[in-house]
Amino acid sequence: MARTKVLLVQDVLDLGEAGDVRVVAGGYARNYLMPRGLAILATRGALKQAEEIRQAGMRRRARERAHAESQAALVRGQRLLFGARAGENERLYGSVTAHEIADQLSEAVGFEVDRRRIQLEHPLRDLGIYTLELRFMADVSAAFQVAVVREGETWTAAEAREAAKAKARAEKEAEDAAARAVAEAEETAQEEAAAEEAEEEEE
């Protein structure tokens, strides 16, 4: 398949930045890059524009980054509260989705939040406080918190529940550590007793 040398006039994910010269499959250049205005043929005349295109791309990226940083500053530290129905085991009768989180976050910060940029592997199905991340660009993101509580509860109730869970975990870990220590002590005592018996038999 014929290869074509192109000059990127826009940043193209996984290919390069504006002003870069790349050799790509002819069909990719003809059917995708060039019709969308992402690249032009790398002729001698076009290559003279490469530096200008590169500088324009750098300026555009700087603007986009500044915009992303200002939006990230608004998102950082946000605390969203979701009331839901849940069973005794703290499992929800449903879930809180990225779509719902994006809608509430959009209201809180005053701009449209794309749910696909929220780093959430699966919908939230348990009561609790979750720290999530909104990715604006490869190196610009902002963390915010979501509390899922029983209907009518407040953020304070969510924090109290988390504190109780942490305390229960700590107590369980302490019990497990104590049980391990006892088991190890018994094992050591048995080994010592066996060693003494062996010595007595040798005598």
N, C-alpha and C. Protein backbone atom coordinates (compact mmCIF):
# COMPACT_ATOMS: atom_id res chain seq x y z
N MET A 1 0.85 -1.20 0.00
CA MET A 1 0.00 0.00 0.00
C MET A 1 0.88 1.25 0.00
N ALA A 2 0.49 2.22 -0.81
CA ALA A 2 1.29 3.44 -0.94
C ALA A 2 1.27 4.24 0.36
N ARG A 3 2.42 4.78 0.68
CA ARG A 3 2.53 5.63 1.87
C ARG A 3 2.56 7.09 1.41
N THR A 4 2.04 7.97 2.23
CA THR A 4 1.96 9.38 1.88
C THR A 4 2.57 10.22 3.00
N LYS A 5 3.37 11.20 2.59
CA LYS A 5 3.95 12.11 3.59
C LYS A 5 3.00 13.29 3.77
N VAL A 6 2.59 13.52 5.03
CA VAL A 6 1.66 14.61 5.30
C VAL A 6 2.22 15.54 6.38
N LEU A 7 1.72 16.77 6.35
CA LEU A 7 2.04 17.77 7.36
C LEU A 7 0.78 17.96 8.21
N LEU A 8 0.88 17.67 9.50
CA LEU A 8 -0.28 17.83 10.37
C LEU A 8 -0.55 19.31 10.63
N VAL A 9 -1.80 19.71 10.42
CA VAL A 9 -2.15 21.11 10.70
C VAL A 9 -2.96 21.21 12.00
N GLN A 10 -3.35 20.05 12.55
CA GLN A 10 -4.01 19.98 13.86
C GLN A 10 -3.32 18.87 14.65
N ASP A 11 -3.48 18.88 15.97
CA ASP A 11 -2.99 17.76 16.78
C ASP A 11 -3.85 16.54 16.48
N VAL A 12 -3.22 15.39 16.28
CA VAL A 12 -3.96 14.14 16.04
C VAL A 12 -3.48 13.12 17.07
N LEU A 13 -4.43 12.65 17.89
CA LEU A 13 -4.11 11.70 18.96
C LEU A 13 -3.37 10.49 18.40
N ASP A 14 -2.29 10.10 19.07
CA ASP A 14 -1.49 8.92 18.70
C ASP A 14 -0.76 9.06 17.36
N LEU A 15 -0.77 10.27 16.77
CA LEU A 15 -0.03 10.47 15.51
C LEU A 15 0.99 11.59 15.66
N GLY A 16 0.54 12.75 16.13
CA GLY A 16 1.49 13.84 16.32
C GLY A 16 0.79 15.16 16.57
N GLU A 17 1.61 16.21 16.68
CA GLU A 17 1.08 17.54 16.95
C GLU A 17 1.14 18.39 15.69
N ALA A 18 0.40 19.48 15.68
CA ALA A 18 0.38 20.39 14.54
C ALA A 18 1.81 20.81 14.19
N GLY A 19 2.15 20.74 12.89
CA GLY A 19 3.49 21.10 12.44
C GLY A 19 4.39 19.90 12.24
N ASP A 20 3.99 18.72 12.74
CA ASP A 20 4.79 17.51 12.56
C ASP A 20 4.56 16.94 11.15
N VAL A 21 5.63 16.36 10.61
CA VAL A 21 5.52 15.66 9.32
C VAL A 21 5.50 14.16 9.61
N ARG A 22 4.52 13.47 9.04
CA ARG A 22 4.38 12.04 9.28
C ARG A 22 4.17 11.30 7.96
N VAL A 23 4.63 10.05 7.91
CA VAL A 23 4.37 9.20 6.76
C VAL A 23 3.28 8.23 7.18
N VAL A 24 2.15 8.27 6.46
CA VAL A 24 1.00 7.45 6.82
C VAL A 24 0.49 6.69 5.60
N ALA A 25 -0.42 5.74 5.82
CA ALA A 25 -1.03 5.01 4.70
C ALA A 25 -1.80 6.00 3.83
N GLY A 26 -1.71 5.80 2.51
CA GLY A 26 -2.37 6.71 1.58
C GLY A 26 -3.86 6.85 1.84
N GLY A 27 -4.53 5.72 2.11
CA GLY A 27 -5.97 5.76 2.36
C GLY A 27 -6.32 6.55 3.61
N TYR A 28 -5.50 6.42 4.65
CA TYR A 28 -5.72 7.14 5.91
C TYR A 28 -5.61 8.65 5.66
N ALA A 29 -4.62 9.04 4.85
CA ALA A 29 -4.43 10.46 4.53
C ALA A 29 -5.60 10.98 3.70
N ARG A 30 -5.94 10.24 2.62
CA ARG A 30 -6.98 10.69 1.68
C ARG A 30 -8.38 10.67 2.28
N ASN A 31 -8.68 9.61 3.04
CA ASN A 31 -10.06 9.40 3.50
C ASN A 31 -10.36 9.95 4.90
N TYR A 32 -9.31 10.22 5.68
CA TYR A 32 -9.57 10.67 7.05
C TYR A 32 -8.88 12.00 7.37
N LEU A 33 -7.56 12.02 7.29
CA LEU A 33 -6.83 13.22 7.73
C LEU A 33 -7.14 14.46 6.90
N MET A 34 -7.04 14.31 5.57
CA MET A 34 -7.20 15.49 4.71
C MET A 34 -8.65 16.00 4.64
N PRO A 35 -9.65 15.12 4.48
CA PRO A 35 -11.03 15.64 4.43
C PRO A 35 -11.44 16.37 5.72
N ARG A 36 -10.85 15.96 6.85
CA ARG A 36 -11.22 16.59 8.13
C ARG A 36 -10.36 17.81 8.44
N GLY A 37 -9.48 18.16 7.53
CA GLY A 37 -8.64 19.34 7.76
C GLY A 37 -7.58 19.13 8.82
N LEU A 38 -7.20 17.86 9.05
CA LEU A 38 -6.20 17.56 10.08
C LEU A 38 -4.78 17.58 9.51
N ALA A 39 -4.66 17.38 8.19
CA ALA A 39 -3.33 17.32 7.56
C ALA A 39 -3.43 17.75 6.10
N ILE A 40 -2.28 18.15 5.55
CA ILE A 40 -2.17 18.46 4.12
C ILE A 40 -0.97 17.69 3.58
N LEU A 41 -0.90 17.54 2.27
CA LEU A 41 0.26 16.86 1.68
C LEU A 41 1.52 17.65 2.00
N ALA A 42 2.59 16.93 2.33
CA ALA A 42 3.84 17.60 2.74
C ALA A 42 4.65 18.00 1.50
N THR A 43 4.12 18.95 0.74
CA THR A 43 4.84 19.47 -0.43
C THR A 43 5.91 20.44 0.05
N ARG A 44 6.79 20.85 -0.88
CA ARG A 44 7.85 21.79 -0.49
C ARG A 44 7.24 23.10 0.02
N GLY A 45 6.19 23.56 -0.66
CA GLY A 45 5.52 24.80 -0.25
C GLY A 45 4.89 24.66 1.14
N ALA A 46 4.25 23.50 1.38
CA ALA A 46 3.59 23.27 2.67
C ALA A 46 4.61 23.21 3.79
N LEU A 47 5.77 22.59 3.50
CA LEU A 47 6.79 22.44 4.55
C LEU A 47 7.33 23.79 5.01
N LYS A 48 7.26 24.80 4.11
CA LYS A 48 7.70 26.15 4.51
C LYS A 48 6.77 26.71 5.60
N GLN A 49 5.52 26.20 5.63
CA GLN A 49 4.54 26.67 6.63
C GLN A 49 4.63 25.88 7.94
N ALA A 50 5.43 24.82 7.94
CA ALA A 50 5.44 23.90 9.09
C ALA A 50 5.70 24.62 10.41
N GLU A 51 6.71 25.51 10.44
CA GLU A 51 7.05 26.19 11.69
C GLU A 51 5.91 27.08 12.16
N GLU A 52 5.29 27.76 11.19
CA GLU A 52 4.15 28.63 11.51
C GLU A 52 3.00 27.80 12.11
N ILE A 53 2.74 26.65 11.49
CA ILE A 53 1.68 25.76 11.97
C ILE A 53 2.02 25.23 13.36
N ARG A 54 3.32 24.90 13.55
CA ARG A 54 3.77 24.38 14.85
C ARG A 54 3.55 25.44 15.95
N GLN A 55 3.93 26.69 15.64
CA GLN A 55 3.76 27.79 16.62
C GLN A 55 2.28 28.02 16.94
N ALA A 56 1.44 27.97 15.90
CA ALA A 56 -0.01 28.15 16.11
C ALA A 56 -0.55 27.03 16.99
N GLY A 57 -0.08 25.80 16.75
CA GLY A 57 -0.50 24.65 17.55
C GLY A 57 -0.09 24.82 19.00
N MET A 58 1.13 25.30 19.22
CA MET A 58 1.62 25.51 20.60
C MET A 58 0.76 26.56 21.31
N ARG A 59 0.42 27.64 20.58
CA ARG A 59 -0.41 28.69 21.18
C ARG A 59 -1.80 28.14 21.53
N ARG A 60 -2.35 27.33 20.60
CA ARG A 60 -3.68 26.77 20.83
C ARG A 60 -3.66 25.82 22.04
N ARG A 61 -2.60 24.97 22.12
CA ARG A 61 -2.50 24.04 23.25
C ARG A 61 -2.36 24.79 24.57
N ALA A 62 -1.62 25.90 24.55
CA ALA A 62 -1.45 26.71 25.76
C ALA A 62 -2.79 27.29 26.20
N ARG A 63 -3.58 27.75 25.21
CA ARG A 63 -4.91 28.29 25.53
C ARG A 63 -5.80 27.19 26.10
N GLU A 64 -5.79 26.02 25.45
CA GLU A 64 -6.61 24.89 25.91
C GLU A 64 -6.21 24.46 27.32
N ARG A 65 -4.90 24.46 27.56
CA ARG A 65 -4.41 24.05 28.88
C ARG A 65 -4.85 25.05 29.95
N ALA A 66 -4.74 26.35 29.63
CA ALA A 66 -5.14 27.39 30.59
C ALA A 66 -6.64 27.26 30.90
N HIS A 67 -7.43 26.98 29.85
CA HIS A 67 -8.87 26.81 30.01
C HIS A 67 -9.15 25.58 30.89
N ALA A 68 -8.46 24.47 30.60
CA ALA A 68 -8.63 23.24 31.37
C ALA A 68 -8.24 23.46 32.83
N GLU A 69 -7.13 24.18 33.05
CA GLU A 69 -6.67 24.45 34.43
C GLU A 69 -7.71 25.27 35.20
N SER A 70 -8.32 26.26 34.52
CA SER A 70 -9.30 27.11 35.22
C SER A 70 -10.55 26.29 35.55
N GLN A 71 -10.94 25.37 34.64
CA GLN A 71 -12.10 24.52 34.94
C GLN A 71 -11.76 23.52 36.05
N ALA A 72 -10.54 22.98 36.00
CA ALA A 72 -10.11 22.02 37.03
C ALA A 72 -10.14 22.67 38.42
N ALA A 73 -9.77 23.95 38.49
CA ALA A 73 -9.77 24.66 39.77
C ALA A 73 -11.18 24.74 40.35
N LEU A 74 -12.19 24.85 39.47
CA LEU A 74 -13.58 24.90 39.94
C LEU A 74 -14.07 23.54 40.43
N VAL A 75 -13.58 22.48 39.79
CA VAL A 75 -14.02 21.12 40.14
C VAL A 75 -13.34 20.63 41.42
N ARG A 76 -12.04 20.98 41.56
CA ARG A 76 -11.25 20.48 42.68
C ARG A 76 -11.92 20.78 44.01
N GLY A 77 -12.09 19.74 44.83
CA GLY A 77 -12.65 19.96 46.17
C GLY A 77 -14.17 19.98 46.23
N GLN A 78 -14.85 19.84 45.08
CA GLN A 78 -16.32 19.80 45.10
C GLN A 78 -16.79 18.58 45.90
N ARG A 79 -17.91 18.74 46.60
CA ARG A 79 -18.49 17.62 47.37
C ARG A 79 -19.95 17.48 46.96
N LEU A 80 -20.27 16.36 46.31
CA LEU A 80 -21.63 16.12 45.82
C LEU A 80 -22.32 15.10 46.71
N LEU A 81 -23.60 15.32 46.97
CA LEU A 81 -24.37 14.44 47.85
C LEU A 81 -25.50 13.79 47.05
N PHE A 82 -25.57 12.46 47.14
CA PHE A 82 -26.63 11.72 46.47
C PHE A 82 -27.41 10.91 47.50
N GLY A 83 -28.71 11.20 47.63
CA GLY A 83 -29.57 10.43 48.53
C GLY A 83 -30.14 9.24 47.77
N ALA A 84 -30.12 8.08 48.37
CA ALA A 84 -30.62 6.88 47.69
C ALA A 84 -31.26 5.92 48.69
N ARG A 85 -32.07 5.00 48.19
CA ARG A 85 -32.65 3.97 49.04
C ARG A 85 -31.65 2.82 49.11
N ALA A 86 -31.44 2.30 50.33
CA ALA A 86 -30.45 1.22 50.50
C ALA A 86 -30.95 0.22 51.53
N GLY A 87 -30.47 -1.01 51.40
CA GLY A 87 -30.83 -2.07 52.34
C GLY A 87 -29.98 -2.01 53.60
N GLU A 88 -30.21 -2.94 54.50
CA GLU A 88 -29.47 -2.99 55.77
C GLU A 88 -27.97 -3.21 55.54
N ASN A 89 -27.63 -3.86 54.43
CA ASN A 89 -26.22 -4.14 54.15
C ASN A 89 -25.52 -2.96 53.46
N GLU A 90 -26.21 -1.80 53.43
CA GLU A 90 -25.69 -0.56 52.84
C GLU A 90 -25.56 -0.64 51.31
N ARG A 91 -26.20 -1.65 50.71
CA ARG A 91 -26.22 -1.80 49.26
C ARG A 91 -27.42 -1.03 48.72
N LEU A 92 -27.22 -0.26 47.64
CA LEU A 92 -28.31 0.55 47.08
C LEU A 92 -29.32 -0.32 46.33
N TYR A 93 -30.57 0.14 46.31
CA TYR A 93 -31.59 -0.48 45.45
C TYR A 93 -31.50 0.20 44.08
N GLY A 94 -30.36 0.15 43.47
CA GLY A 94 -30.10 0.87 42.22
C GLY A 94 -28.65 1.28 42.22
N SER A 95 -28.33 2.40 41.58
CA SER A 95 -26.93 2.85 41.56
C SER A 95 -26.86 4.33 41.21
N VAL A 96 -25.70 4.92 41.46
CA VAL A 96 -25.43 6.31 41.06
C VAL A 96 -24.48 6.22 39.87
N THR A 97 -24.90 6.75 38.73
CA THR A 97 -24.13 6.60 37.49
C THR A 97 -23.27 7.83 37.19
N ALA A 98 -22.34 7.65 36.26
CA ALA A 98 -21.48 8.76 35.83
C ALA A 98 -22.33 9.88 35.24
N HIS A 99 -23.42 9.53 34.58
CA HIS A 99 -24.32 10.51 33.98
C HIS A 99 -24.92 11.41 35.06
N GLU A 100 -25.41 10.80 36.16
CA GLU A 100 -26.00 11.56 37.27
C GLU A 100 -24.94 12.44 37.94
N ILE A 101 -23.74 11.88 38.10
CA ILE A 101 -22.65 12.64 38.74
C ILE A 101 -22.29 13.84 37.86
N ALA A 102 -22.19 13.61 36.54
CA ALA A 102 -21.84 14.70 35.61
C ALA A 102 -22.90 15.80 35.65
N ASP A 103 -24.18 15.41 35.71
CA ASP A 103 -25.26 16.41 35.75
C ASP A 103 -25.15 17.28 37.00
N GLN A 104 -24.95 16.63 38.16
CA GLN A 104 -24.89 17.39 39.42
C GLN A 104 -23.61 18.25 39.47
N LEU A 105 -22.52 17.70 38.96
CA LEU A 105 -21.26 18.45 38.95
C LEU A 105 -21.38 19.65 38.02
N SER A 106 -22.03 19.47 36.88
CA SER A 106 -22.24 20.59 35.93
C SER A 106 -22.97 21.73 36.61
N GLU A 107 -24.02 21.39 37.37
CA GLU A 107 -24.77 22.42 38.10
C GLU A 107 -23.89 23.13 39.12
N ALA A 108 -23.06 22.36 39.80
CA ALA A 108 -22.23 22.93 40.87
C ALA A 108 -21.16 23.88 40.33
N VAL A 109 -20.58 23.55 39.17
CA VAL A 109 -19.44 24.34 38.67
C VAL A 109 -19.81 25.35 37.58
N GLY A 110 -21.03 25.19 37.01
CA GLY A 110 -21.49 26.17 36.03
C GLY A 110 -21.01 25.95 34.61
N PHE A 111 -20.49 24.78 34.28
CA PHE A 111 -20.18 24.45 32.89
C PHE A 111 -20.47 22.98 32.65
N GLU A 112 -20.64 22.62 31.38
CA GLU A 112 -21.03 21.26 31.03
C GLU A 112 -19.87 20.28 31.29
N VAL A 113 -20.13 19.25 32.08
CA VAL A 113 -19.12 18.22 32.37
C VAL A 113 -19.44 16.98 31.54
N ASP A 114 -18.45 16.50 30.80
CA ASP A 114 -18.61 15.30 29.98
C ASP A 114 -18.46 14.07 30.88
N ARG A 115 -19.54 13.27 30.98
CA ARG A 115 -19.51 12.10 31.89
C ARG A 115 -18.39 11.14 31.54
N ARG A 116 -17.97 11.09 30.26
CA ARG A 116 -16.91 10.15 29.85
C ARG A 116 -15.55 10.55 30.41
N ARG A 117 -15.44 11.79 30.87
CA ARG A 117 -14.17 12.23 31.45
C ARG A 117 -14.07 11.95 32.95
N ILE A 118 -15.18 11.48 33.53
CA ILE A 118 -15.15 11.10 34.96
C ILE A 118 -14.56 9.71 35.07
N GLN A 119 -13.51 9.56 35.86
CA GLN A 119 -12.83 8.28 36.01
C GLN A 119 -13.62 7.39 36.97
N LEU A 120 -14.60 6.67 36.39
CA LEU A 120 -15.49 5.81 37.19
C LEU A 120 -15.64 4.49 36.45
N GLU A 121 -15.10 3.41 37.04
CA GLU A 121 -15.11 2.11 36.36
C GLU A 121 -16.52 1.53 36.27
N HIS A 122 -17.31 1.69 37.34
CA HIS A 122 -18.67 1.16 37.33
C HIS A 122 -19.54 2.04 38.24
N PRO A 123 -20.85 2.03 38.04
CA PRO A 123 -21.74 2.85 38.87
C PRO A 123 -21.56 2.54 40.36
N LEU A 124 -21.83 3.55 41.20
CA LEU A 124 -21.69 3.38 42.65
C LEU A 124 -22.92 2.64 43.18
N ARG A 125 -22.70 1.53 43.88
CA ARG A 125 -23.83 0.71 44.33
C ARG A 125 -23.89 0.55 45.85
N ASP A 126 -22.99 1.25 46.57
CA ASP A 126 -22.98 1.15 48.03
C ASP A 126 -22.94 2.54 48.65
N LEU A 127 -23.48 2.65 49.88
CA LEU A 127 -23.35 3.90 50.63
C LEU A 127 -21.87 4.15 50.89
N GLY A 128 -21.47 5.41 50.91
CA GLY A 128 -20.08 5.71 51.23
C GLY A 128 -19.63 7.01 50.60
N ILE A 129 -18.38 7.37 50.88
CA ILE A 129 -17.77 8.56 50.29
C ILE A 129 -16.72 8.09 49.30
N TYR A 130 -16.80 8.61 48.09
CA TYR A 130 -15.89 8.19 47.02
C TYR A 130 -15.13 9.41 46.49
N THR A 131 -13.82 9.25 46.28
CA THR A 131 -13.03 10.30 45.65
C THR A 131 -12.88 9.94 44.18
N LEU A 132 -13.38 10.79 43.31
CA LEU A 132 -13.34 10.56 41.87
C LEU A 132 -12.47 11.60 41.20
N GLU A 133 -12.16 11.36 39.94
CA GLU A 133 -11.28 12.27 39.20
C GLU A 133 -11.94 12.62 37.88
N LEU A 134 -11.85 13.90 37.52
CA LEU A 134 -12.34 14.37 36.22
C LEU A 134 -11.11 14.72 35.40
N ARG A 135 -10.95 14.04 34.26
CA ARG A 135 -9.77 14.23 33.41
C ARG A 135 -10.10 15.24 32.31
N PHE A 136 -9.37 16.35 32.28
CA PHE A 136 -9.59 17.38 31.26
C PHE A 136 -8.68 17.15 30.05
N MET A 137 -7.40 16.90 30.35
CA MET A 137 -6.40 16.63 29.31
C MET A 137 -5.50 15.55 29.89
N ALA A 138 -4.54 15.11 29.09
CA ALA A 138 -3.64 14.04 29.55
C ALA A 138 -3.01 14.38 30.91
N ASP A 139 -2.63 15.64 31.11
CA ASP A 139 -1.93 15.99 32.35
C ASP A 139 -2.67 17.02 33.20
N VAL A 140 -3.98 17.19 32.95
CA VAL A 140 -4.78 18.10 33.77
C VAL A 140 -6.02 17.35 34.25
N SER A 141 -6.11 17.17 35.57
CA SER A 141 -7.28 16.51 36.13
C SER A 141 -7.59 17.13 37.49
N ALA A 142 -8.79 16.83 37.99
CA ALA A 142 -9.20 17.39 39.27
C ALA A 142 -9.97 16.34 40.06
N ALA A 143 -9.65 16.24 41.35
CA ALA A 143 -10.34 15.27 42.22
C ALA A 143 -11.51 15.97 42.91
N PHE A 144 -12.59 15.21 43.08
CA PHE A 144 -13.75 15.71 43.82
C PHE A 144 -14.37 14.52 44.55
N GLN A 145 -15.28 14.82 45.49
CA GLN A 145 -15.84 13.74 46.30
C GLN A 145 -17.34 13.60 46.07
N VAL A 146 -17.79 12.36 46.16
CA VAL A 146 -19.22 12.04 46.04
C VAL A 146 -19.60 11.24 47.28
N ALA A 147 -20.63 11.68 47.98
CA ALA A 147 -21.14 10.92 49.12
C ALA A 147 -22.49 10.33 48.73
N VAL A 148 -22.61 9.01 48.89
CA VAL A 148 -23.89 8.35 48.64
C VAL A 148 -24.46 8.00 50.01
N VAL A 149 -25.62 8.59 50.33
CA VAL A 149 -26.21 8.44 51.66
C VAL A 149 -27.66 7.94 51.53
N ARG A 150 -28.23 7.53 52.66
CA ARG A 150 -29.65 7.20 52.65
C ARG A 150 -30.45 8.48 52.44
N GLU A 151 -31.61 8.36 51.82
CA GLU A 151 -32.45 9.54 51.57
C GLU A 151 -32.67 10.31 52.87
N GLY A 152 -32.45 11.62 52.81
CA GLY A 152 -32.66 12.46 53.99
C GLY A 152 -31.41 12.67 54.83
N GLU A 153 -30.36 11.88 54.59
CA GLU A 153 -29.12 12.04 55.37
C GLU A 153 -28.26 13.17 54.79
N THR A 154 -27.30 13.61 55.60
CA THR A 154 -26.42 14.71 55.20
C THR A 154 -25.00 14.21 55.01
N TRP A 155 -24.14 15.12 54.62
CA TRP A 155 -22.71 14.79 54.45
C TRP A 155 -22.13 14.32 55.79
N THR A 156 -22.59 14.93 56.89
CA THR A 156 -22.10 14.56 58.23
C THR A 156 -22.39 13.09 58.52
N ALA A 157 -23.58 12.62 58.10
CA ALA A 157 -23.93 11.21 58.31
C ALA A 157 -23.00 10.31 57.52
N ALA A 158 -22.66 10.74 56.31
CA ALA A 158 -21.74 9.96 55.47
C ALA A 158 -20.37 9.86 56.13
N GLU A 159 -19.89 10.99 56.69
CA GLU A 159 -18.58 10.99 57.35
C GLU A 159 -18.60 10.10 58.59
N ALA A 160 -19.71 10.14 59.34
CA ALA A 160 -19.83 9.31 60.54
C ALA A 160 -19.79 7.83 60.16
N ARG A 161 -20.49 7.49 59.06
CA ARG A 161 -20.51 6.09 58.59
C ARG A 161 -19.10 5.65 58.20
N GLU A 162 -18.38 6.52 57.47
CA GLU A 162 -17.00 6.19 57.05
C GLU A 162 -16.09 6.01 58.26
N ALA A 163 -16.26 6.89 59.27
CA ALA A 163 -15.43 6.79 60.49
C ALA A 163 -15.70 5.47 61.21
N ALA A 164 -17.00 5.07 61.27
CA ALA A 164 -17.36 3.81 61.93
C ALA A 164 -16.75 2.63 61.17
N LYS A 165 -16.79 2.70 59.83
CA LYS A 165 -16.19 1.62 59.01
C LYS A 165 -14.69 1.52 59.27
N ALA A 166 -14.03 2.70 59.30
CA ALA A 166 -12.57 2.72 59.52
C ALA A 166 -12.24 2.15 60.89
N LYS A 167 -13.06 2.49 61.90
CA LYS A 167 -12.83 1.99 63.26
C LYS A 167 -12.99 0.46 63.30
N ALA A 168 -14.06 -0.02 62.64
CA ALA A 168 -14.32 -1.47 62.61
C ALA A 168 -13.16 -2.20 61.90
N ARG A 169 -12.67 -1.59 60.80
CA ARG A 169 -11.53 -2.21 60.08
C ARG A 169 -10.30 -2.27 60.97
N ALA A 170 -10.03 -1.16 61.68
CA ALA A 170 -8.86 -1.10 62.55
C ALA A 170 -8.96 -2.15 63.66
N GLU A 171 -10.17 -2.28 64.24
CA GLU A 171 -10.37 -3.28 65.32
C GLU A 171 -10.16 -4.69 64.79
N LYS A 172 -10.70 -4.94 63.58
CA LYS A 172 -10.56 -6.28 62.97
C LYS A 172 -9.08 -6.58 62.71
N GLU A 173 -8.35 -5.58 62.19
CA GLU A 173 -6.91 -5.77 61.92
C GLU A 173 -6.16 -6.05 63.22
N ALA A 174 -6.53 -5.33 64.30
CA ALA A 174 -5.87 -5.53 65.60
C ALA A 174 -6.16 -6.94 66.12
N GLU A 175 -7.43 -7.38 65.98
CA GLU A 175 -7.79 -8.75 66.41
C GLU A 175 -7.01 -9.79 65.63
N ASP A 176 -6.95 -9.58 64.29
CA ASP A 176 -6.22 -10.53 63.44
C ASP A 176 -4.74 -10.58 63.82
N ALA A 177 -4.16 -9.40 64.10
CA ALA A 177 -2.74 -9.34 64.47
C ALA A 177 -2.51 -10.07 65.79
N ALA A 178 -3.43 -9.86 66.75
CA ALA A 178 -3.31 -10.52 68.07
C ALA A 178 -3.43 -12.04 67.90
N ALA A 179 -4.39 -12.48 67.07
CA ALA A 179 -4.58 -13.92 66.84
C ALA A 179 -3.32 -14.52 66.20
N ARG A 180 -2.73 -13.78 65.24
CA ARG A 180 -1.49 -14.26 64.58
C ARG A 180 -0.36 -14.37 65.59
N ALA A 181 -0.27 -13.37 66.47
CA ALA A 181 0.80 -13.37 67.48
C ALA A 181 0.66 -14.57 68.41
N VAL A 182 -0.60 -14.86 68.83
CA VAL A 182 -0.86 -16.01 69.71
C VAL A 182 -0.48 -17.31 68.99
N ALA A 183 -0.92 -17.42 67.73
CA ALA A 183 -0.64 -18.63 66.94
C ALA A 183 0.87 -18.83 66.79
N GLU A 184 1.59 -17.73 66.52
CA GLU A 184 3.05 -17.81 66.34
C GLU A 184 3.72 -18.22 67.65
N ALA A 185 3.23 -17.67 68.77
CA ALA A 185 3.80 -17.99 70.08
C ALA A 185 3.59 -19.47 70.39
N GLU A 186 2.38 -19.98 70.09
CA GLU A 186 2.09 -21.40 70.33
C GLU A 186 2.98 -22.29 69.47
N GLU A 187 3.15 -21.87 68.21
CA GLU A 187 3.98 -22.65 67.28
C GLU A 187 5.43 -22.69 67.77
N THR A 188 5.91 -21.53 68.23
CA THR A 188 7.29 -21.45 68.74
C THR A 188 7.45 -22.36 69.97
N ALA A 189 6.44 -22.30 70.88
CA ALA A 189 6.49 -23.12 72.10
C ALA A 189 6.51 -24.61 71.74
N GLN A 190 5.68 -25.00 70.74
CA GLN A 190 5.65 -26.40 70.32
C GLN A 190 7.00 -26.83 69.73
N GLU A 191 7.59 -25.94 68.92
CA GLU A 191 8.89 -26.25 68.31
C GLU A 191 9.96 -26.43 69.38
N GLU A 192 9.91 -25.54 70.39
CA GLU A 192 10.90 -25.61 71.48
C GLU A 192 10.72 -26.91 72.27
N ALA A 193 9.44 -27.24 72.53
CA ALA A 193 9.15 -28.46 73.29
C ALA A 193 9.63 -29.69 72.51
N ALA A 194 9.39 -29.68 71.20
CA ALA A 194 9.82 -30.80 70.35
C ALA A 194 11.34 -30.91 70.34
N ALA A 195 12.03 -29.75 70.30
CA ALA A 195 13.49 -29.74 70.29
C ALA A 195 14.03 -30.30 71.61
N GLU A 196 13.38 -29.91 72.74
CA GLU A 196 13.81 -30.40 74.06
C GLU A 196 13.64 -31.92 74.15
N GLU A 197 12.47 -32.40 73.64
CA GLU A 197 12.21 -33.86 73.65
C GLU A 197 13.28 -34.60 72.86
N ALA A 198 13.60 -34.03 71.70
CA ALA A 198 14.61 -34.67 70.83
C ALA A 198 15.95 -34.73 71.55
N GLU A 199 16.29 -33.66 72.26
CA GLU A 199 17.56 -33.62 73.00
C GLU A 199 17.57 -34.68 74.10
N GLU A 200 16.43 -34.80 74.81
CA GLU A 200 16.33 -35.77 75.91
C GLU A 200 16.48 -37.20 75.37
N GLU A 201 15.86 -37.46 74.22
CA GLU A 201 15.94 -38.80 73.62
C GLU A 201 17.38 -39.14 73.23
N GLU A 202 18.10 -38.12 72.74
CA GLU A 202 19.51 -38.34 72.33
C GLU A 202 20.35 -38.69 73.55
N GLU A 203 20.02 -38.04 74.69
CA GLU A 203 20.80 -38.29 75.91
C GLU A 203 20.52 -39.71 76.39
